[in-house]
Amino acid sequence: MFAYDFPLLGVFWSLLMFALFMLWIFIVIWCFIDNFQRRDHHGLAKALWFLFIVFVPIIGVFSYLVTRPVAVDVVVVDE
């Protein structure tokens, strides 16, 4: 591979892969936390999202991020 012909590129490639892996772990953990803190779906929906993310991780995470409603968690406080 081209990157391993030059030592600096090999280090850069390794650091990039490590950063992307850590980003993936962060996104998966965030999806789990967000799923269990949501109040707009209960019990069975949370369990199904959990199983979907665990058994089909890439498709599960991206579908959760796309189908997640953003405006549900917004709380407006009048002062």
N, C-alpha and C. Protein backbone atom coordinates (compact mmCIF):
# COMPACT_ATOMS: atom_id res chain seq x y z
N MET A 1 0.85 -1.18 0.00
CA MET A 1 0.00 0.00 0.00
C MET A 1 0.89 1.24 0.00
N PHE A 2 0.42 2.30 -0.58
CA PHE A 2 1.21 3.52 -0.75
C PHE A 2 1.58 4.16 0.58
N ALA A 3 0.68 4.15 1.54
CA ALA A 3 0.92 4.85 2.80
C ALA A 3 2.05 4.21 3.59
N TYR A 4 2.27 2.90 3.41
CA TYR A 4 3.30 2.25 4.20
C TYR A 4 4.68 2.32 3.56
N ASP A 5 4.78 2.95 2.39
CA ASP A 5 6.09 3.20 1.80
C ASP A 5 6.79 4.35 2.51
N PHE A 6 6.02 5.24 3.12
CA PHE A 6 6.57 6.38 3.84
C PHE A 6 6.11 6.29 5.30
N PRO A 7 7.03 6.30 6.26
CA PRO A 7 6.65 6.11 7.67
C PRO A 7 5.68 7.15 8.20
N LEU A 8 5.82 8.40 7.79
CA LEU A 8 4.93 9.44 8.30
C LEU A 8 3.49 9.22 7.83
N LEU A 9 3.33 8.78 6.59
CA LEU A 9 2.00 8.49 6.09
C LEU A 9 1.38 7.30 6.81
N GLY A 10 2.20 6.34 7.20
CA GLY A 10 1.70 5.20 7.97
C GLY A 10 1.19 5.63 9.33
N VAL A 11 1.89 6.54 9.97
CA VAL A 11 1.44 7.06 11.26
C VAL A 11 0.16 7.86 11.09
N PHE A 12 0.11 8.69 10.06
CA PHE A 12 -1.10 9.47 9.79
C PHE A 12 -2.29 8.56 9.55
N TRP A 13 -2.11 7.53 8.73
CA TRP A 13 -3.19 6.59 8.43
C TRP A 13 -3.66 5.88 9.70
N SER A 14 -2.75 5.46 10.55
CA SER A 14 -3.11 4.78 11.80
C SER A 14 -3.89 5.71 12.72
N LEU A 15 -3.44 6.96 12.83
CA LEU A 15 -4.16 7.93 13.68
C LEU A 15 -5.53 8.25 13.11
N LEU A 16 -5.65 8.33 11.80
CA LEU A 16 -6.95 8.57 11.18
C LEU A 16 -7.91 7.42 11.44
N MET A 17 -7.45 6.19 11.30
CA MET A 17 -8.30 5.03 11.56
C MET A 17 -8.71 4.97 13.03
N PHE A 18 -7.79 5.29 13.93
CA PHE A 18 -8.10 5.30 15.35
C PHE A 18 -9.14 6.37 15.66
N ALA A 19 -9.00 7.56 15.08
CA ALA A 19 -9.96 8.65 15.31
C ALA A 19 -11.33 8.28 14.77
N LEU A 20 -11.40 7.68 13.60
CA LEU A 20 -12.69 7.27 13.04
C LEU A 20 -13.34 6.17 13.87
N PHE A 21 -12.52 5.26 14.39
CA PHE A 21 -13.05 4.21 15.26
C PHE A 21 -13.62 4.80 16.55
N MET A 22 -12.91 5.73 17.14
CA MET A 22 -13.40 6.37 18.37
C MET A 22 -14.66 7.19 18.09
N LEU A 23 -14.74 7.83 16.94
CA LEU A 23 -15.94 8.56 16.55
C LEU A 23 -17.12 7.61 16.39
N TRP A 24 -16.89 6.46 15.80
CA TRP A 24 -17.96 5.46 15.64
C TRP A 24 -18.45 4.97 17.01
N ILE A 25 -17.53 4.68 17.93
CA ILE A 25 -17.92 4.24 19.27
C ILE A 25 -18.73 5.33 19.97
N PHE A 26 -18.31 6.59 19.84
CA PHE A 26 -19.04 7.70 20.45
C PHE A 26 -20.46 7.80 19.89
N ILE A 27 -20.61 7.66 18.57
CA ILE A 27 -21.94 7.76 17.95
C ILE A 27 -22.84 6.63 18.42
N VAL A 28 -22.31 5.43 18.50
CA VAL A 28 -23.13 4.29 18.96
C VAL A 28 -23.57 4.49 20.40
N ILE A 29 -22.66 4.90 21.27
CA ILE A 29 -23.01 5.13 22.68
C ILE A 29 -24.02 6.27 22.79
N TRP A 30 -23.85 7.33 21.99
CA TRP A 30 -24.81 8.44 22.00
C TRP A 30 -26.19 7.97 21.57
N CYS A 31 -26.25 7.10 20.57
CA CYS A 31 -27.55 6.58 20.13
C CYS A 31 -28.23 5.78 21.24
N PHE A 32 -27.46 4.96 21.96
CA PHE A 32 -28.03 4.20 23.08
C PHE A 32 -28.56 5.14 24.16
N ILE A 33 -27.77 6.12 24.54
CA ILE A 33 -28.17 7.06 25.59
C ILE A 33 -29.40 7.85 25.15
N ASP A 34 -29.39 8.34 23.93
CA ASP A 34 -30.53 9.10 23.42
C ASP A 34 -31.78 8.24 23.34
N ASN A 35 -31.63 7.00 22.92
CA ASN A 35 -32.77 6.10 22.81
C ASN A 35 -33.44 5.89 24.16
N PHE A 36 -32.65 5.66 25.19
CA PHE A 36 -33.24 5.36 26.50
C PHE A 36 -33.68 6.60 27.27
N GLN A 37 -33.26 7.79 26.85
CA GLN A 37 -33.71 9.02 27.52
C GLN A 37 -34.92 9.65 26.85
N ARG A 38 -35.30 9.19 25.68
CA ARG A 38 -36.43 9.79 24.96
C ARG A 38 -37.74 9.46 25.64
N ARG A 39 -38.64 10.41 25.60
CA ARG A 39 -39.95 10.21 26.21
C ARG A 39 -41.05 10.03 25.17
N ASP A 40 -40.72 10.15 23.88
CA ASP A 40 -41.74 10.04 22.86
C ASP A 40 -42.00 8.60 22.41
N HIS A 41 -41.16 7.66 22.79
CA HIS A 41 -41.46 6.24 22.57
C HIS A 41 -41.07 5.45 23.82
N HIS A 42 -41.78 4.36 24.04
CA HIS A 42 -41.62 3.61 25.29
C HIS A 42 -41.36 2.14 25.01
N GLY A 43 -40.96 1.44 26.03
CA GLY A 43 -40.83 -0.01 26.11
C GLY A 43 -40.39 -0.74 24.85
N LEU A 44 -41.37 -1.20 24.09
CA LEU A 44 -41.08 -2.04 22.93
C LEU A 44 -40.28 -1.28 21.88
N ALA A 45 -40.60 -0.03 21.64
CA ALA A 45 -39.86 0.75 20.65
C ALA A 45 -38.40 0.92 21.06
N LYS A 46 -38.15 1.17 22.34
CA LYS A 46 -36.77 1.31 22.82
C LYS A 46 -36.03 -0.01 22.69
N ALA A 47 -36.69 -1.12 23.01
CA ALA A 47 -36.06 -2.43 22.90
C ALA A 47 -35.75 -2.77 21.45
N LEU A 48 -36.67 -2.46 20.55
CA LEU A 48 -36.43 -2.76 19.14
C LEU A 48 -35.31 -1.90 18.57
N TRP A 49 -35.26 -0.62 18.94
CA TRP A 49 -34.14 0.21 18.48
C TRP A 49 -32.82 -0.31 19.03
N PHE A 50 -32.81 -0.73 20.30
CA PHE A 50 -31.60 -1.28 20.91
C PHE A 50 -31.13 -2.51 20.14
N LEU A 51 -32.04 -3.44 19.87
CA LEU A 51 -31.68 -4.66 19.15
C LEU A 51 -31.23 -4.35 17.72
N PHE A 52 -31.89 -3.40 17.09
CA PHE A 52 -31.53 -3.02 15.72
C PHE A 52 -30.13 -2.42 15.67
N ILE A 53 -29.79 -1.61 16.64
CA ILE A 53 -28.46 -1.00 16.68
C ILE A 53 -27.39 -2.03 17.03
N VAL A 54 -27.72 -2.98 17.90
CA VAL A 54 -26.74 -3.99 18.29
C VAL A 54 -26.47 -5.00 17.17
N PHE A 55 -27.53 -5.50 16.54
CA PHE A 55 -27.36 -6.58 15.57
C PHE A 55 -27.07 -6.10 14.14
N VAL A 56 -27.46 -4.89 13.80
CA VAL A 56 -27.15 -4.32 12.48
C VAL A 56 -26.59 -2.92 12.74
N PRO A 57 -25.35 -2.82 13.20
CA PRO A 57 -24.85 -1.55 13.72
C PRO A 57 -24.82 -0.40 12.71
N ILE A 58 -24.30 -0.60 11.54
CA ILE A 58 -24.14 0.52 10.61
C ILE A 58 -25.50 1.02 10.14
N ILE A 59 -26.34 0.11 9.67
CA ILE A 59 -27.66 0.50 9.21
C ILE A 59 -28.52 0.99 10.37
N GLY A 60 -28.40 0.34 11.53
CA GLY A 60 -29.19 0.71 12.70
C GLY A 60 -28.89 2.12 13.19
N VAL A 61 -27.61 2.46 13.29
CA VAL A 61 -27.23 3.79 13.78
C VAL A 61 -27.67 4.87 12.79
N PHE A 62 -27.40 4.66 11.52
CA PHE A 62 -27.76 5.69 10.54
C PHE A 62 -29.27 5.84 10.40
N SER A 63 -30.01 4.74 10.48
CA SER A 63 -31.47 4.87 10.42
C SER A 63 -32.02 5.53 11.67
N TYR A 64 -31.40 5.28 12.83
CA TYR A 64 -31.83 5.95 14.05
C TYR A 64 -31.58 7.46 13.95
N LEU A 65 -30.43 7.84 13.43
CA LEU A 65 -30.12 9.26 13.31
C LEU A 65 -31.02 9.96 12.30
N VAL A 66 -31.42 9.27 11.25
CA VAL A 66 -32.27 9.88 10.23
C VAL A 66 -33.71 9.97 10.71
N THR A 67 -34.22 8.94 11.37
CA THR A 67 -35.63 8.92 11.76
C THR A 67 -35.91 9.58 13.09
N ARG A 68 -34.89 9.97 13.81
CA ARG A 68 -35.07 10.60 15.12
C ARG A 68 -35.65 12.01 14.95
N PRO A 69 -36.81 12.28 15.57
CA PRO A 69 -37.35 13.65 15.48
C PRO A 69 -36.55 14.60 16.37
N VAL A 70 -36.19 15.73 15.84
CA VAL A 70 -35.35 16.68 16.57
C VAL A 70 -36.17 17.55 17.52
N ALA A 71 -37.36 17.97 17.10
CA ALA A 71 -38.13 18.96 17.84
C ALA A 71 -38.83 18.41 19.07
N VAL A 72 -38.78 17.12 19.32
CA VAL A 72 -39.49 16.54 20.47
C VAL A 72 -38.86 16.97 21.79
N ASP A 73 -37.54 17.05 21.81
CA ASP A 73 -36.83 17.34 23.06
C ASP A 73 -36.74 18.83 23.38
N VAL A 74 -37.17 19.68 22.52
CA VAL A 74 -37.05 21.11 22.73
C VAL A 74 -38.13 21.56 23.73
N VAL A 75 -37.69 22.20 24.80
CA VAL A 75 -38.60 22.71 25.82
C VAL A 75 -38.51 24.23 25.80
N VAL A 76 -39.64 24.90 25.61
CA VAL A 76 -39.66 26.35 25.56
C VAL A 76 -40.11 26.86 26.93
N VAL A 77 -39.32 27.75 27.50
CA VAL A 77 -39.62 28.33 28.80
C VAL A 77 -39.89 29.82 28.60
N ASP A 78 -41.08 30.26 29.00
CA ASP A 78 -41.42 31.68 28.90
C ASP A 78 -41.02 32.38 30.20
N GLU A 79 -40.31 33.47 30.05
CA GLU A 79 -39.90 34.21 31.24
C GLU A 79 -40.47 35.60 31.22
